[in-house]
Amino acid sequence: MDSLSQLALGAAVSVAVMGRRTAVWKAALWGGVLGTLPDLDALIDHGNPVLNMVLHRAETHALFWQSLAALPLAAGLAWWTDRQRSTAAMATAAASVPAGKSSFRAWLLTVWLVLVTHALLDAMTVYGTQLALPFSSQPFGLGSIFIIDPLYTLPLLAGLAVALLRRGSSGTNWNLAGLVLSTAYLGWSAGVQHHVAGLVQAQLAGRGAGVTAERVLVTPTAFNTALWRIVVMHPTHYEEGFYALADRGRAVRFNAYPLDPGLVREVHGLDAVQRIAAFSRGFYRVDERASVVRITDLRMGQEPGYVFSFAVARRGSALQALEPPAAVGGRGDLDLAAGLRWLWARAGGQDLDPPGVGAQAPERRAP
């Protein structure tokens, strides 16, 4: 998820655990800092864009390593907060003694929950989070929520705001309510994804035994869970379609785009291709433009623009690998206003192609 959502989640979790043990603003501050720590791995340069992609959300998002890291982090926070409490008590001539061990236990629970919920929330997106390291590098990505979704983040921010403005249990109860609502929204997203996937699978089954679908992706479009994008991979082509809850069971209309199995075989031995093929769980395309061979992750973006696309080879007298591979993805040429207008109209049930798709003249597939 985006940094604001992770910061808000970390702060809300910290306030829920520590809100009655320390000042709410301190709990929110430390929770927000801890909630952003795992994503600092994005600052590490692994040497090329492909490695930077596939090694993001790795060790810092692994539950085992997070559990180990929680111990020194909690110890440091307990020492700091108990020292501050002791200093304040001495200044006011208070007779109380800081509760060292109990403070450590509370901070340990807080730190562990903040780190783990960060990783689990990321695993709800489609990108891929390596939760099981060092035992497995398998990336987990349910793909039921977009990386930025205001309906998830706003309840967290609202609950935190009230908790910071109101003292006592009333404020912390609002924070807890924000956590419950945001978590319920995650459950809603998974339920809707399951519903849409069932409709799509039934539609594909109705095509007959002669049509082979290797894998199917169902994931929400930007900022919402009302409009869903479907990608169906076949041996020689892939299909993209959209289903809105407002469609009320109407069959998905797909556009088909060619794949080049021969080109895939040519570059299959390249490390960058193998990594993206595995990380994308098979949802990728290899194509050649102006003698440059590219591999594109089809999960993030939509036709005709994708976030993660990499130039991996150049056509000369023979195909030559590019070392290192170059990032050529992005959606800088996207007409944002047109895209948002399409998103709103399509989510409302209008059966329209996304901006730019018509220029590619895709093959239309009947439902």
Protein backbone atom coordinates (compact mmCIF):
# COMPACT_ATOMS: atom_id res chain seq x y z
CA MET A 1 0.00 0.00 0.00
CA ASP A 2 0.98 3.64 -0.26
CA SER A 3 3.10 5.30 2.43
CA LEU A 4 0.23 7.34 3.89
CA SER A 5 -1.89 4.22 4.43
CA GLN A 6 1.00 2.38 6.08
CA LEU A 7 1.78 5.34 8.30
CA ALA A 8 -1.87 5.64 9.33
CA LEU A 9 -2.16 1.90 9.97
CA GLY A 10 1.00 1.85 12.08
CA ALA A 11 -0.14 4.85 14.11
CA ALA A 12 -3.63 3.41 14.64
CA VAL A 13 -2.29 0.03 15.77
CA SER A 14 0.14 1.71 18.16
CA VAL A 15 -2.58 3.90 19.66
CA ALA A 16 -4.83 0.85 20.09
CA VAL A 17 -2.15 -0.93 22.14
CA MET A 18 -0.30 1.96 23.84
CA GLY A 19 -2.98 4.64 23.99
CA ARG A 20 -3.66 4.05 27.68
CA ARG A 21 0.01 3.54 28.62
CA THR A 22 1.49 6.69 27.11
CA ALA A 23 0.35 9.93 25.52
CA VAL A 24 -1.75 9.26 22.43
CA TRP A 25 0.38 11.57 20.30
CA LYS A 26 3.53 9.67 21.31
CA ALA A 27 1.93 6.32 20.50
CA ALA A 28 0.76 7.67 17.13
CA LEU A 29 4.17 9.17 16.35
CA TRP A 30 6.14 6.01 17.08
CA GLY A 31 3.56 3.83 15.36
CA GLY A 32 3.70 5.97 12.23
CA VAL A 33 7.51 5.80 12.17
CA LEU A 34 7.47 2.02 12.65
CA GLY A 35 4.78 1.68 10.00
CA THR A 36 7.04 3.25 7.38
CA LEU A 37 10.23 1.34 8.28
CA PRO A 38 9.68 -1.77 6.10
CA ASP A 39 9.31 0.34 2.95
CA LEU A 40 12.73 1.92 3.41
CA ASP A 41 14.06 -1.07 1.47
CA ALA A 42 12.94 0.83 -1.63
CA LEU A 43 15.97 3.07 -1.09
CA ILE A 44 18.37 0.15 -1.61
CA ASP A 45 19.89 -0.04 -5.09
CA HIS A 46 20.41 -3.69 -6.01
CA GLY A 47 22.21 -2.83 -9.23
CA ASN A 48 19.48 -2.76 -11.88
CA PRO A 49 15.76 -1.95 -12.17
CA VAL A 50 14.63 -5.58 -12.38
CA LEU A 51 16.38 -6.53 -9.14
CA ASN A 52 15.09 -3.37 -7.48
CA MET A 53 11.57 -4.50 -8.37
CA VAL A 54 11.72 -8.17 -7.38
CA LEU A 55 13.74 -7.57 -4.19
CA HIS A 56 11.39 -4.90 -2.86
CA ARG A 57 9.06 -6.18 -0.12
CA ALA A 58 11.54 -8.92 0.70
CA GLU A 59 13.40 -9.31 4.05
CA THR A 60 11.89 -6.16 5.58
CA HIS A 61 8.43 -7.60 4.90
CA ALA A 62 9.15 -11.18 6.01
CA LEU A 63 7.28 -12.20 9.15
CA PHE A 64 10.25 -14.12 10.57
CA TRP A 65 12.70 -11.23 10.23
CA GLN A 66 10.11 -8.73 11.44
CA SER A 67 9.57 -10.80 14.59
CA LEU A 68 13.32 -10.79 15.29
CA ALA A 69 13.63 -7.07 14.56
CA ALA A 70 10.77 -6.31 16.95
CA LEU A 71 12.95 -7.29 19.95
CA PRO A 72 15.67 -4.61 19.68
CA LEU A 73 13.21 -2.00 18.44
CA ALA A 74 10.90 -2.62 21.40
CA ALA A 75 13.84 -2.61 23.81
CA GLY A 76 14.98 0.74 22.48
CA LEU A 77 11.51 2.28 22.71
CA ALA A 78 10.97 0.90 26.22
CA TRP A 79 14.30 2.28 27.37
CA TRP A 80 13.58 5.70 25.85
CA THR A 81 10.03 6.05 27.15
CA ASP A 82 10.92 4.74 30.62
CA ARG A 83 13.84 7.16 30.77
CA GLN A 84 11.54 10.03 29.84
CA ARG A 85 9.02 8.92 32.45
CA SER A 86 11.73 8.66 35.10
CA THR A 87 13.05 12.11 34.27
CA ALA A 88 9.56 13.58 34.49
CA ALA A 89 8.92 11.81 37.81
CA MET A 90 12.14 13.16 39.32
CA ALA A 91 11.31 16.66 38.14
CA THR A 92 7.94 16.53 39.89
CA ALA A 93 9.29 14.68 42.96
CA ALA A 94 7.01 11.74 42.20
CA ALA A 95 7.67 8.53 44.09
CA SER A 96 6.65 6.13 41.32
CA VAL A 97 9.23 3.88 39.67
CA PRO A 98 9.12 3.25 35.89
CA ALA A 99 7.66 -0.13 34.97
CA GLY A 100 10.57 -1.37 32.83
CA LYS A 101 9.52 -4.95 32.07
CA SER A 102 5.85 -4.20 31.61
CA SER A 103 6.76 -1.29 29.31
CA PHE A 104 8.97 -3.60 27.23
CA ARG A 105 6.21 -6.18 26.85
CA ALA A 106 3.74 -3.54 25.72
CA TRP A 107 6.18 -2.06 23.23
CA LEU A 108 7.14 -5.51 21.96
CA LEU A 109 3.50 -6.28 21.19
CA THR A 110 3.08 -2.86 19.58
CA VAL A 111 6.18 -3.05 17.40
CA TRP A 112 5.44 -6.61 16.29
CA LEU A 113 1.83 -5.80 15.38
CA VAL A 114 2.80 -2.65 13.46
CA LEU A 115 5.44 -4.46 11.41
CA VAL A 116 3.34 -7.55 10.74
CA THR A 117 0.20 -5.63 9.78
CA HIS A 118 2.31 -3.59 7.35
CA ALA A 119 3.42 -6.76 5.58
CA LEU A 120 -0.03 -8.36 5.61
CA LEU A 121 -1.63 -5.22 4.20
CA ASP A 122 0.94 -5.16 1.38
CA ALA A 123 0.10 -8.81 0.68
CA MET A 124 -3.48 -7.74 -0.05
CA THR A 125 -2.22 -5.86 -3.13
CA VAL A 126 -1.15 -7.56 -6.35
CA TYR A 127 2.55 -6.59 -6.31
CA GLY A 128 4.01 -9.51 -4.37
CA THR A 129 5.23 -9.60 -0.74
CA GLN A 130 7.78 -12.22 0.33
CA LEU A 131 6.24 -13.01 3.71
CA ALA A 132 7.94 -16.39 4.20
CA LEU A 133 11.61 -15.46 3.87
CA PRO A 134 14.10 -16.97 4.66
CA PHE A 135 12.20 -20.24 4.23
CA SER A 136 10.61 -19.37 0.87
CA SER A 137 10.98 -16.52 -1.61
CA GLN A 138 7.44 -17.05 -2.94
CA PRO A 139 5.78 -13.64 -3.33
CA PHE A 140 2.25 -13.42 -1.92
CA GLY A 141 -0.23 -11.01 -3.49
CA LEU A 142 -3.97 -11.47 -3.12
CA GLY A 143 -4.65 -8.47 -5.33
CA SER A 144 -8.00 -7.55 -3.80
CA ILE A 145 -7.16 -3.89 -3.15
CA PHE A 146 -5.42 -1.22 -5.21
CA ILE A 147 -2.22 0.25 -3.82
CA ILE A 148 -4.07 3.53 -3.13
CA ASP A 149 -7.68 3.31 -1.97
CA PRO A 150 -9.19 6.25 -0.03
CA LEU A 151 -11.99 4.10 1.41
CA TYR A 152 -9.35 2.08 3.26
CA THR A 153 -7.21 5.00 4.43
CA LEU A 154 -9.83 7.58 5.42
CA PRO A 155 -11.35 5.60 8.36
CA LEU A 156 -7.85 5.20 9.82
CA LEU A 157 -7.09 8.91 9.49
CA ALA A 158 -10.48 9.92 10.91
CA GLY A 159 -10.14 7.63 13.93
CA LEU A 160 -6.63 8.88 14.60
CA ALA A 161 -7.69 12.51 14.31
CA VAL A 162 -10.42 12.10 16.91
CA ALA A 163 -8.08 10.14 19.21
CA LEU A 164 -5.54 12.95 19.05
CA LEU A 165 -8.16 15.64 19.69
CA ARG A 166 -10.08 13.89 22.47
CA ARG A 167 -8.60 12.67 25.70
CA GLY A 168 -9.44 9.43 27.42
CA SER A 169 -11.23 6.32 26.26
CA SER A 170 -13.58 8.20 23.96
CA GLY A 171 -10.76 9.12 21.61
CA THR A 172 -9.11 5.70 21.65
CA ASN A 173 -12.48 4.09 20.94
CA TRP A 174 -12.75 6.20 17.78
CA ASN A 175 -9.31 5.02 16.77
CA LEU A 176 -10.39 1.42 17.31
CA ALA A 177 -13.50 2.04 15.23
CA GLY A 178 -11.33 3.31 12.38
CA LEU A 179 -9.25 0.15 12.55
CA VAL A 180 -12.35 -2.04 12.50
CA LEU A 181 -13.86 -0.20 9.52
CA SER A 182 -10.66 -0.28 7.48
CA THR A 183 -10.19 -3.99 8.20
CA ALA A 184 -13.81 -4.66 7.27
CA TYR A 185 -13.16 -2.89 3.96
CA LEU A 186 -10.30 -5.29 3.28
CA GLY A 187 -12.70 -8.15 3.92
CA TRP A 188 -15.21 -6.56 1.53
CA SER A 189 -12.53 -6.27 -1.17
CA ALA A 190 -11.62 -9.96 -0.85
CA GLY A 191 -15.30 -10.95 -0.97
CA VAL A 192 -16.00 -8.89 -4.09
CA GLN A 193 -12.88 -10.25 -5.77
CA HIS A 194 -14.09 -13.80 -5.10
CA HIS A 195 -17.52 -12.91 -6.50
CA VAL A 196 -16.12 -11.40 -9.70
CA ALA A 197 -13.67 -14.28 -10.15
CA GLY A 198 -16.57 -16.72 -9.96
CA LEU A 199 -18.48 -14.84 -12.66
CA VAL A 200 -15.44 -14.77 -14.92
CA GLN A 201 -14.64 -18.44 -14.44
CA ALA A 202 -18.24 -19.37 -15.29
CA GLN A 203 -18.06 -17.21 -18.43
CA LEU A 204 -14.79 -18.80 -19.53
CA ALA A 205 -16.14 -22.29 -18.87
CA GLY A 206 -19.05 -21.49 -21.17
CA ARG A 207 -16.70 -21.02 -24.12
CA GLY A 208 -16.17 -24.74 -24.40
CA ALA A 209 -13.32 -27.20 -23.98
CA GLY A 210 -11.43 -25.94 -27.02
CA VAL A 211 -10.50 -22.62 -25.35
CA THR A 212 -7.56 -22.95 -22.95
CA ALA A 213 -6.96 -20.31 -20.27
CA GLU A 214 -3.65 -20.82 -18.49
CA ARG A 215 -4.32 -18.37 -15.66
CA VAL A 216 -6.78 -15.63 -14.71
CA LEU A 217 -6.14 -12.41 -12.78
CA VAL A 218 -8.92 -10.42 -11.10
CA THR A 219 -7.82 -7.18 -9.44
CA PRO A 220 -9.43 -3.77 -8.78
CA THR A 221 -8.81 -0.70 -10.90
CA ALA A 222 -7.36 2.45 -9.37
CA PHE A 223 -8.73 3.86 -6.11
CA ASN A 224 -11.83 1.64 -5.78
CA THR A 225 -13.39 -1.80 -5.46
CA ALA A 226 -16.36 -1.10 -7.73
CA LEU A 227 -14.57 -1.73 -11.05
CA TRP A 228 -12.41 -4.79 -11.59
CA ARG A 229 -9.82 -5.61 -14.25
CA ILE A 230 -9.57 -9.16 -15.58
CA VAL A 231 -6.55 -10.58 -17.43
CA VAL A 232 -6.77 -14.04 -19.01
CA MET A 233 -3.54 -15.64 -20.23
CA HIS A 234 -3.56 -18.04 -23.19
CA PRO A 235 -0.63 -19.74 -24.95
CA THR A 236 -0.64 -17.30 -27.90
CA HIS A 237 -2.46 -14.24 -26.58
CA TYR A 238 -3.90 -12.60 -23.49
CA GLU A 239 -7.24 -10.91 -22.93
CA GLU A 240 -8.17 -7.87 -20.87
CA GLY A 241 -11.67 -7.01 -19.74
CA PHE A 242 -13.45 -5.06 -17.03
CA TYR A 243 -16.36 -5.84 -14.75
CA ALA A 244 -18.21 -3.24 -12.69
CA LEU A 245 -20.54 -4.10 -9.85
CA ALA A 246 -23.00 -1.87 -11.70
CA ASP A 247 -22.88 -4.37 -14.61
CA ARG A 248 -25.08 -6.65 -12.47
CA GLY A 249 -23.96 -9.93 -13.98
CA ARG A 250 -23.47 -8.75 -17.56
CA ALA A 251 -20.82 -10.81 -19.37
CA VAL A 252 -17.33 -9.33 -19.54
CA ARG A 253 -16.29 -8.06 -22.97
CA PHE A 254 -12.64 -8.85 -23.60
CA ASN A 255 -10.04 -7.31 -25.89
CA ALA A 256 -7.34 -9.73 -27.06
CA TYR A 257 -3.65 -8.94 -27.51
CA PRO A 258 -1.02 -11.20 -29.12
CA LEU A 259 1.86 -12.91 -27.37
CA ASP A 260 5.06 -14.01 -29.10
CA PRO A 261 6.02 -17.49 -27.82
CA GLY A 262 8.99 -17.63 -30.20
CA LEU A 263 10.44 -14.40 -28.82
CA VAL A 264 9.90 -15.67 -25.28
CA ARG A 265 11.98 -18.74 -26.12
CA GLU A 266 14.75 -16.52 -27.52
CA VAL A 267 15.15 -14.54 -24.31
CA HIS A 268 14.03 -17.13 -21.77
CA GLY A 269 17.60 -17.73 -20.59
CA LEU A 270 18.11 -14.10 -19.52
CA ASP A 271 18.13 -13.56 -15.77
CA ALA A 272 15.86 -10.52 -15.99
CA VAL A 273 13.24 -12.45 -17.98
CA GLN A 274 13.29 -15.39 -15.59
CA ARG A 275 12.92 -13.10 -12.59
CA ILE A 276 9.99 -11.13 -13.99
CA ALA A 277 8.28 -14.28 -15.29
CA ALA A 278 8.44 -15.82 -11.81
CA PHE A 279 7.64 -12.64 -9.87
CA SER A 280 4.61 -11.82 -12.06
CA ARG A 281 3.36 -15.39 -11.63
CA GLY A 282 3.12 -15.79 -15.39
CA PHE A 283 1.28 -12.54 -16.12
CA TYR A 284 3.88 -11.03 -18.43
CA ARG A 285 4.41 -10.12 -22.08
CA VAL A 286 7.60 -10.14 -24.17
CA ASP A 287 7.56 -7.94 -27.27
CA GLU A 288 9.97 -6.21 -29.60
CA ARG A 289 9.85 -2.56 -30.62
CA ALA A 290 12.48 -0.79 -32.73
CA SER A 291 14.81 -3.78 -32.31
CA VAL A 292 14.53 -3.61 -28.50
CA VAL A 293 13.05 -6.58 -26.65
CA ARG A 294 10.99 -5.74 -23.57
CA ILE A 295 9.34 -7.72 -20.81
CA THR A 296 6.27 -6.22 -19.16
CA ASP A 297 4.49 -7.17 -15.94
CA LEU A 298 0.81 -7.21 -16.95
CA ARG A 299 -0.54 -7.07 -13.39
CA MET A 300 0.14 -3.40 -12.66
CA GLY A 301 -1.37 -1.00 -15.16
CA GLN A 302 -3.74 -1.69 -18.02
CA GLU A 303 -3.68 -1.41 -21.79
CA PRO A 304 -1.91 0.46 -23.23
CA GLY A 305 0.27 1.59 -20.28
CA TYR A 306 2.10 -0.47 -17.65
CA VAL A 307 4.21 0.60 -14.70
CA PHE A 308 6.85 -2.12 -14.87
CA SER A 309 8.35 -2.73 -18.30
CA PHE A 310 12.03 -3.44 -18.92
CA ALA A 311 14.26 -3.46 -22.00
CA VAL A 312 16.23 -6.70 -21.74
CA ALA A 313 17.85 -7.23 -25.18
CA ARG A 314 18.63 -5.50 -28.45
CA ARG A 315 18.40 -7.00 -31.93
CA GLY A 316 21.69 -6.82 -33.84
CA SER A 317 23.26 -9.45 -36.06
CA ALA A 318 22.13 -11.63 -33.16
CA LEU A 319 20.03 -10.92 -30.09
CA GLN A 320 22.21 -9.20 -27.48
CA ALA A 321 21.30 -9.01 -23.83
CA LEU A 322 21.21 -5.55 -22.24
CA GLU A 323 23.28 -5.43 -19.07
CA PRO A 324 21.88 -4.04 -16.96
CA PRO A 325 18.27 -4.11 -18.19
CA ALA A 326 16.63 -0.69 -18.49
CA ALA A 327 13.30 0.40 -17.06
CA VAL A 328 11.04 1.60 -19.87
CA GLY A 329 7.68 1.34 -18.12
CA GLY A 330 5.58 4.09 -16.62
CA ARG A 331 2.46 5.98 -17.49
CA GLY A 332 3.88 9.45 -17.99
CA ASP A 333 1.99 9.92 -21.26
CA LEU A 334 -1.34 8.99 -19.68
CA ASP A 335 -4.10 11.58 -19.93
CA LEU A 336 -5.05 11.56 -16.25
CA ALA A 337 -8.26 13.52 -16.72
CA ALA A 338 -9.45 11.19 -19.49
CA GLY A 339 -8.49 8.18 -17.40
CA LEU A 340 -10.47 9.38 -14.40
CA ARG A 341 -13.49 10.17 -16.57
CA TRP A 342 -13.34 6.64 -18.03
CA LEU A 343 -12.94 5.12 -14.56
CA TRP A 344 -16.03 6.92 -13.28
CA ALA A 345 -18.13 6.09 -16.34
CA ARG A 346 -17.04 2.44 -16.48
CA ALA A 347 -17.60 1.95 -12.75
CA GLY A 348 -21.11 3.27 -13.36
CA GLY A 349 -21.80 0.48 -15.83
CA GLN A 350 -21.00 2.11 -19.19
CA ASP A 351 -19.26 -0.44 -21.43
CA LEU A 352 -16.37 1.70 -22.67
CA ASP A 353 -12.78 0.87 -23.66
CA PRO A 354 -10.05 2.61 -21.63
CA PRO A 355 -8.41 5.68 -23.22
CA GLY A 356 -5.79 4.67 -25.77
CA VAL A 357 -7.05 1.15 -26.37
CA GLY A 358 -8.97 2.07 -29.50
CA ALA A 359 -5.77 3.32 -31.15
CA GLN A 360 -4.27 -0.14 -30.81
CA ALA A 361 -7.16 -1.78 -32.64
CA PRO A 362 -7.30 -4.84 -30.37
CA GLU A 363 -9.07 -7.97 -31.37
CA ARG A 364 -12.53 -7.96 -29.82
CA ARG A 365 -13.61 -11.16 -28.14
CA ALA A 366 -17.26 -11.99 -27.72
CA PRO A 367 -18.41 -12.86 -24.20
